[in-house]
Amino acid sequence: MNKLIPLVIALCTMFITFNAQAKLENFYNCTMNEGVTAQQVIALKNDYNAAAKEAGLDTYSIKVMFPMYGEQQGPGALAWSGSWESLEDMPQISSWFRASKWGAKVLKLMTCENGSLWNVYD
């Protein structure tokens, strides 16, 4: 049993180090609401990133992706993705997002589902 303790500690350290080196990506499958254009979504993304940077949240940025082929392809399909450096930033970013009413602005343009959080290794 005592021989397992160093192994468990080593594995835990590797896991923590492995995850500490990853960036985080929050990913949503979305569809533009009726009458919304890709240019409007891109403008919203640009405004969002500028506002986040102005609020001191420059470790966070949004990207939008439009499918060229595949199962996700369809009228108004897009992916809305936010990335940041660490989990420690997540509560501050989430609080700012709710307090600044960005959620309402996003929902005016698109309907999103299937949110997921990913580790990203560049």
C-alpha atoms as a PDB file:
ATOM      1  CA  MET A   1       0.000   0.000   0.000  1.00  0.00           C
ATOM      2  CA  ASN A   2       2.790   2.430   0.897  1.00  0.00           C
ATOM      3  CA  LYS A   3       4.347   1.844  -2.537  1.00  0.00           C
ATOM      4  CA  LEU A   4       1.150   3.064  -4.207  1.00  0.00           C
ATOM      5  CA  ILE A   5       1.176   6.455  -2.476  1.00  0.00           C
ATOM      6  CA  PRO A   6       4.114   7.873  -4.498  1.00  0.00           C
ATOM      7  CA  LEU A   7       2.493   6.592  -7.704  1.00  0.00           C
ATOM      8  CA  VAL A   8      -0.840   8.220  -6.853  1.00  0.00           C
ATOM      9  CA  ILE A   9       0.920  11.494  -5.991  1.00  0.00           C
ATOM     10  CA  ALA A  10       2.877  11.385  -9.258  1.00  0.00           C
ATOM     11  CA  LEU A  11      -0.280  10.714 -11.290  1.00  0.00           C
ATOM     12  CA  CYS A  12      -2.176  13.535  -9.543  1.00  0.00           C
ATOM     13  CA  THR A  13       0.720  15.921 -10.146  1.00  0.00           C
ATOM     14  CA  MET A  14       0.841  14.947 -13.817  1.00  0.00           C
ATOM     15  CA  PHE A  15      -2.919  15.476 -14.164  1.00  0.00           C
ATOM     16  CA  ILE A  16      -2.803  18.893 -12.479  1.00  0.00           C
ATOM     17  CA  THR A  17       0.217  19.960 -14.558  1.00  0.00           C
ATOM     18  CA  PHE A  18      -1.370  18.608 -17.733  1.00  0.00           C
ATOM     19  CA  ASN A  19      -4.577  20.597 -17.140  1.00  0.00           C
ATOM     20  CA  ALA A  20      -2.737  23.684 -15.908  1.00  0.00           C
ATOM     21  CA  GLN A  21      -1.017  24.013 -19.294  1.00  0.00           C
ATOM     22  CA  ALA A  22      -4.278  23.916 -21.232  1.00  0.00           C
ATOM     23  CA  LYS A  23      -6.341  26.872 -22.303  1.00  0.00           C
ATOM     24  CA  LEU A  24     -10.073  26.581 -21.899  1.00  0.00           C
ATOM     25  CA  GLU A  25     -12.628  26.819 -24.680  1.00  0.00           C
ATOM     26  CA  ASN A  26     -16.351  27.160 -24.124  1.00  0.00           C
ATOM     27  CA  PHE A  27     -18.138  25.974 -27.256  1.00  0.00           C
ATOM     28  CA  TYR A  28     -21.784  26.282 -28.391  1.00  0.00           C
ATOM     29  CA  ASN A  29     -23.637  25.095 -31.482  1.00  0.00           C
ATOM     30  CA  CYS A  30     -25.876  27.964 -32.550  1.00  0.00           C
ATOM     31  CA  THR A  31     -28.313  29.061 -35.212  1.00  0.00           C
ATOM     32  CA  MET A  32     -28.831  32.655 -36.264  1.00  0.00           C
ATOM     33  CA  ASN A  33     -32.318  33.914 -35.502  1.00  0.00           C
ATOM     34  CA  GLU A  34     -34.651  34.818 -38.358  1.00  0.00           C
ATOM     35  CA  GLY A  35     -33.371  37.784 -40.381  1.00  0.00           C
ATOM     36  CA  VAL A  36     -29.927  37.893 -38.715  1.00  0.00           C
ATOM     37  CA  THR A  37     -26.844  38.020 -40.948  1.00  0.00           C
ATOM     38  CA  ALA A  38     -23.341  36.672 -40.448  1.00  0.00           C
ATOM     39  CA  GLN A  39     -22.082  40.282 -40.499  1.00  0.00           C
ATOM     40  CA  GLN A  40     -24.280  41.091 -37.479  1.00  0.00           C
ATOM     41  CA  VAL A  41     -22.899  38.113 -35.558  1.00  0.00           C
ATOM     42  CA  ILE A  42     -19.317  39.081 -36.424  1.00  0.00           C
ATOM     43  CA  ALA A  43     -19.977  42.700 -35.346  1.00  0.00           C
ATOM     44  CA  LEU A  44     -21.413  41.424 -32.036  1.00  0.00           C
ATOM     45  CA  LYS A  45     -18.316  39.271 -31.515  1.00  0.00           C
ATOM     46  CA  ASN A  46     -16.038  42.256 -32.179  1.00  0.00           C
ATOM     47  CA  ASP A  47     -18.035  44.497 -29.809  1.00  0.00           C
ATOM     48  CA  TYR A  48     -18.054  41.773 -27.149  1.00  0.00           C
ATOM     49  CA  ASN A  49     -14.278  41.301 -27.319  1.00  0.00           C
ATOM     50  CA  ALA A  50     -13.679  45.069 -27.148  1.00  0.00           C
ATOM     51  CA  ALA A  51     -16.009  45.408 -24.137  1.00  0.00           C
ATOM     52  CA  ALA A  52     -14.381  42.473 -22.343  1.00  0.00           C
ATOM     53  CA  LYS A  53     -10.938  43.976 -22.923  1.00  0.00           C
ATOM     54  CA  GLU A  54     -12.146  47.385 -21.678  1.00  0.00           C
ATOM     55  CA  ALA A  55     -13.492  45.646 -18.550  1.00  0.00           C
ATOM     56  CA  GLY A  56     -10.038  44.196 -17.896  1.00  0.00           C
ATOM     57  CA  LEU A  57     -10.980  40.707 -19.088  1.00  0.00           C
ATOM     58  CA  ASP A  58      -8.471  40.571 -21.904  1.00  0.00           C
ATOM     59  CA  THR A  59      -7.641  36.921 -21.194  1.00  0.00           C
ATOM     60  CA  TYR A  60     -11.066  36.074 -22.634  1.00  0.00           C
ATOM     61  CA  SER A  61     -12.059  36.277 -26.283  1.00  0.00           C
ATOM     62  CA  ILE A  62     -14.910  35.133 -28.476  1.00  0.00           C
ATOM     63  CA  LYS A  63     -14.652  33.497 -31.876  1.00  0.00           C
ATOM     64  CA  VAL A  64     -17.434  32.643 -34.307  1.00  0.00           C
ATOM     65  CA  MET A  65     -17.181  29.913 -36.896  1.00  0.00           C
ATOM     66  CA  PHE A  66     -19.438  29.240 -39.855  1.00  0.00           C
ATOM     67  CA  PRO A  67     -19.502  25.682 -41.277  1.00  0.00           C
ATOM     68  CA  MET A  68     -18.365  24.997 -44.814  1.00  0.00           C
ATOM     69  CA  TYR A  69     -19.497  21.358 -44.816  1.00  0.00           C
ATOM     70  CA  GLY A  70     -20.577  18.594 -42.446  1.00  0.00           C
ATOM     71  CA  GLU A  71     -23.465  17.713 -40.165  1.00  0.00           C
ATOM     72  CA  GLN A  72     -23.578  21.182 -38.583  1.00  0.00           C
ATOM     73  CA  GLN A  73     -24.192  22.842 -41.929  1.00  0.00           C
ATOM     74  CA  GLY A  74     -27.576  24.458 -42.470  1.00  0.00           C
ATOM     75  CA  PRO A  75     -29.287  27.817 -42.746  1.00  0.00           C
ATOM     76  CA  GLY A  76     -27.859  30.136 -40.114  1.00  0.00           C
ATOM     77  CA  ALA A  77     -25.581  27.526 -38.487  1.00  0.00           C
ATOM     78  CA  LEU A  78     -22.581  28.766 -36.534  1.00  0.00           C
ATOM     79  CA  ALA A  79     -20.349  27.936 -33.600  1.00  0.00           C
ATOM     80  CA  TRP A  80     -19.858  30.486 -30.805  1.00  0.00           C
ATOM     81  CA  SER A  81     -16.674  29.874 -28.879  1.00  0.00           C
ATOM     82  CA  GLY A  82     -15.022  31.676 -25.975  1.00  0.00           C
ATOM     83  CA  SER A  83     -11.498  31.022 -24.772  1.00  0.00           C
ATOM     84  CA  TRP A  84      -9.496  32.028 -21.732  1.00  0.00           C
ATOM     85  CA  GLU A  85      -6.301  31.115 -19.986  1.00  0.00           C
ATOM     86  CA  SER A  86      -7.485  29.476 -16.765  1.00  0.00           C
ATOM     87  CA  LEU A  87     -10.454  28.253 -14.738  1.00  0.00           C
ATOM     88  CA  GLU A  88      -9.680  30.922 -12.146  1.00  0.00           C
ATOM     89  CA  ASP A  89     -10.832  33.605 -14.627  1.00  0.00           C
ATOM     90  CA  MET A  90     -14.157  31.889 -15.295  1.00  0.00           C
ATOM     91  CA  PRO A  91     -16.201  33.256 -12.326  1.00  0.00           C
ATOM     92  CA  GLN A  92     -15.141  36.852 -13.028  1.00  0.00           C
ATOM     93  CA  ILE A  93     -15.966  36.510 -16.733  1.00  0.00           C
ATOM     94  CA  SER A  94     -19.333  34.862 -15.993  1.00  0.00           C
ATOM     95  CA  SER A  95     -20.264  37.588 -13.496  1.00  0.00           C
ATOM     96  CA  TRP A  96     -19.344  40.318 -15.975  1.00  0.00           C
ATOM     97  CA  PHE A  97     -21.293  38.564 -18.742  1.00  0.00           C
ATOM     98  CA  ARG A  98     -24.484  38.465 -16.631  1.00  0.00           C
ATOM     99  CA  ALA A  99     -24.101  41.972 -15.173  1.00  0.00           C
ATOM    100  CA  SER A 100     -23.365  43.604 -18.537  1.00  0.00           C
ATOM    101  CA  LYS A 101     -26.412  42.044 -20.209  1.00  0.00           C
ATOM    102  CA  TRP A 102     -24.322  40.565 -23.018  1.00  0.00           C
ATOM    103  CA  GLY A 103     -26.391  37.404 -22.770  1.00  0.00           C
ATOM    104  CA  ALA A 104     -29.503  39.282 -23.931  1.00  0.00           C
ATOM    105  CA  LYS A 105     -27.559  40.811 -26.828  1.00  0.00           C
ATOM    106  CA  VAL A 106     -26.306  37.384 -27.906  1.00  0.00           C
ATOM    107  CA  LEU A 107     -29.771  35.822 -27.655  1.00  0.00           C
ATOM    108  CA  LYS A 108     -31.269  38.544 -29.879  1.00  0.00           C
ATOM    109  CA  LEU A 109     -29.081  37.291 -32.712  1.00  0.00           C
ATOM    110  CA  MET A 110     -28.810  33.557 -32.154  1.00  0.00           C
ATOM    111  CA  THR A 111     -30.153  30.514 -30.394  1.00  0.00           C
ATOM    112  CA  CYS A 112     -27.469  28.291 -28.874  1.00  0.00           C
ATOM    113  CA  GLU A 113     -27.470  24.816 -27.383  1.00  0.00           C
ATOM    114  CA  ASN A 114     -25.138  21.991 -26.469  1.00  0.00           C
ATOM    115  CA  GLY A 115     -22.607  24.111 -24.575  1.00  0.00           C
ATOM    116  CA  SER A 116     -19.418  22.363 -23.586  1.00  0.00           C
ATOM    117  CA  LEU A 117     -16.098  23.236 -21.960  1.00  0.00           C
ATOM    118  CA  TRP A 118     -12.883  21.952 -23.546  1.00  0.00           C
ATOM    119  CA  ASN A 119      -9.188  21.855 -22.656  1.00  0.00           C
ATOM    120  CA  VAL A 120      -7.206  23.250 -25.616  1.00  0.00           C
ATOM    121  CA  TYR A 121      -3.546  22.562 -26.281  1.00  0.00           C
ATOM    122  CA  ASP A 122      -1.838  24.803 -28.836  1.00  0.00           C
END
